[in-house]
Amino acid sequence: QVQLVESGGGLVQAGGSLRLSCEASRSVFTAEAIDWYRQASGKQRELVASITSSGSTIYSYSVKGRFAITRDNVNNTVYLQMNRLKPEDTAVYFCKWHSTRRDYWGQGTQVIVSS
């Protein structure tokens, strides 16, 4: 069993920055990948960024160059640094722990970007 707790969301003006945290109850090194997803109101959940156990990263086209996913193995935390935020980044952001056996989700953290 893995528990994930997201934090760091809030209200920010367009052009601003936020850093989201996803703290895991187990070493993040043991996940095959840890992902950040987001779900805007009335829309499907979409993948934003992912970091694998080897440290490889991928980003969705809409956030590439603005967001950065990093991993802190000492504190069992994965971060999502979000810069140059846009109103369309408004959503609930979730982290997901991926393994071959099963996936685990956090409860989400709300990000609101005002224009």
Protein backbone atom coordinates (compact mmCIF):
# COMPACT_ATOMS: atom_id res chain seq x y z
CA GLN A 1 0.00 0.00 0.00
CA VAL A 2 1.21 3.50 -0.85
CA GLN A 3 -0.25 6.75 0.44
CA LEU A 4 0.26 9.93 -1.55
CA VAL A 5 -0.38 13.43 -0.23
CA GLU A 6 -0.36 16.39 -2.59
CA SER A 7 0.09 19.95 -1.44
CA GLY A 8 1.10 23.36 -2.74
CA GLY A 9 -1.97 24.29 -4.74
CA GLY A 10 -3.65 27.66 -4.48
CA LEU A 11 -4.71 30.81 -6.26
CA VAL A 12 -2.13 32.59 -8.41
CA GLN A 13 -2.21 35.26 -11.09
CA ALA A 14 -1.40 34.44 -14.68
CA GLY A 15 2.34 34.50 -15.21
CA GLY A 16 3.04 33.39 -11.66
CA SER A 17 4.51 30.20 -10.27
CA LEU A 18 3.57 27.41 -7.90
CA ARG A 19 5.35 24.30 -6.72
CA LEU A 20 3.27 21.23 -6.04
CA SER A 21 4.50 18.44 -3.79
CA CYS A 22 3.55 14.78 -3.75
CA GLU A 23 4.79 13.08 -0.60
CA ALA A 24 4.79 9.28 -0.65
CA SER A 25 4.69 6.83 2.24
CA ARG A 26 7.37 4.75 0.57
CA SER A 27 10.64 5.48 -1.18
CA VAL A 28 9.85 7.08 -4.54
CA PHE A 29 12.73 5.09 -5.94
CA THR A 30 10.57 1.96 -5.80
CA ALA A 31 7.91 3.29 -8.17
CA GLU A 32 8.24 2.50 -11.84
CA ALA A 33 7.06 6.03 -12.47
CA ILE A 34 5.34 8.86 -10.65
CA ASP A 35 3.05 11.05 -12.68
CA TRP A 36 1.27 14.35 -12.28
CA TYR A 37 -2.20 14.50 -13.82
CA ARG A 38 -4.73 17.29 -13.83
CA GLN A 39 -8.46 17.48 -14.27
CA ALA A 40 -10.22 20.70 -15.16
CA SER A 41 -13.90 21.09 -14.44
CA GLY A 42 -15.96 19.17 -16.97
CA LYS A 43 -12.92 17.66 -18.66
CA GLN A 44 -11.12 14.34 -18.59
CA ARG A 45 -8.07 13.80 -16.46
CA GLU A 46 -4.90 14.33 -18.47
CA LEU A 47 -1.25 13.48 -17.97
CA VAL A 48 0.92 16.54 -17.31
CA ALA A 49 4.34 15.12 -16.47
CA SER A 50 6.01 11.88 -15.48
CA ILE A 51 9.30 10.80 -13.96
CA THR A 52 10.51 7.22 -14.14
CA SER A 53 12.60 5.25 -11.67
CA SER A 54 15.65 6.00 -13.83
CA GLY A 55 14.92 9.71 -13.73
CA SER A 56 13.64 10.12 -17.27
CA THR A 57 10.94 12.73 -17.66
CA ILE A 58 8.16 13.44 -20.12
CA TYR A 59 5.79 16.38 -20.39
CA SER A 60 2.57 17.12 -22.17
CA TYR A 61 2.86 19.53 -25.04
CA SER A 62 0.80 22.16 -23.23
CA VAL A 63 3.24 22.45 -20.30
CA LYS A 64 6.59 21.62 -21.88
CA GLY A 65 9.08 24.38 -21.18
CA ARG A 66 6.99 25.82 -18.32
CA PHE A 67 6.69 22.91 -15.86
CA ALA A 68 9.40 20.73 -14.37
CA ILE A 69 9.02 17.44 -12.49
CA THR A 70 11.72 16.48 -10.02
CA ARG A 71 12.23 13.83 -7.38
CA ASP A 72 13.62 14.04 -3.85
CA ASN A 73 14.62 10.53 -2.81
CA VAL A 74 15.53 11.56 0.73
CA ASN A 75 12.11 13.04 1.50
CA ASN A 76 10.12 10.61 -0.68
CA THR A 77 8.63 13.54 -2.55
CA VAL A 78 8.02 14.38 -6.18
CA TYR A 79 7.63 18.03 -7.11
CA LEU A 80 5.97 19.81 -9.99
CA GLN A 81 7.39 23.29 -10.48
CA MET A 82 4.93 25.30 -12.52
CA ASN A 83 6.08 28.56 -14.07
CA ARG A 84 4.43 31.10 -16.38
CA LEU A 85 1.04 29.80 -15.35
CA LYS A 86 -1.96 30.39 -17.59
CA PRO A 87 -5.69 30.41 -16.79
CA GLU A 88 -6.01 27.17 -18.76
CA ASP A 89 -3.74 25.50 -16.18
CA THR A 90 -6.59 25.79 -13.68
CA ALA A 91 -7.44 22.27 -12.49
CA VAL A 92 -7.18 19.80 -9.68
CA TYR A 93 -3.72 18.25 -9.82
CA PHE A 94 -3.19 14.64 -8.81
CA CYS A 95 -0.10 12.53 -8.44
CA LYS A 96 -0.07 8.88 -9.34
CA TRP A 97 2.30 6.12 -8.26
CA HIS A 98 2.70 3.55 -11.01
CA SER A 99 3.92 0.01 -10.49
CA THR A 100 3.39 -3.27 -12.33
CA ARG A 101 1.08 -4.50 -9.57
CA ARG A 102 -1.20 -1.48 -9.27
CA ASP A 103 -1.44 2.29 -9.33
CA TYR A 104 -2.10 4.62 -6.40
CA TRP A 105 -3.58 8.11 -6.52
CA GLY A 106 -3.42 11.03 -4.18
CA GLN A 107 -6.44 13.14 -3.24
CA GLY A 108 -5.49 16.09 -5.42
CA THR A 109 -4.68 19.75 -4.89
CA GLN A 110 -6.55 22.64 -6.50
CA VAL A 111 -4.74 25.16 -8.68
CA ILE A 112 -6.57 28.29 -9.80
CA VAL A 113 -4.91 30.73 -12.18
CA SER A 114 -6.63 34.07 -12.50
CA SER A 115 -6.34 36.22 -15.62
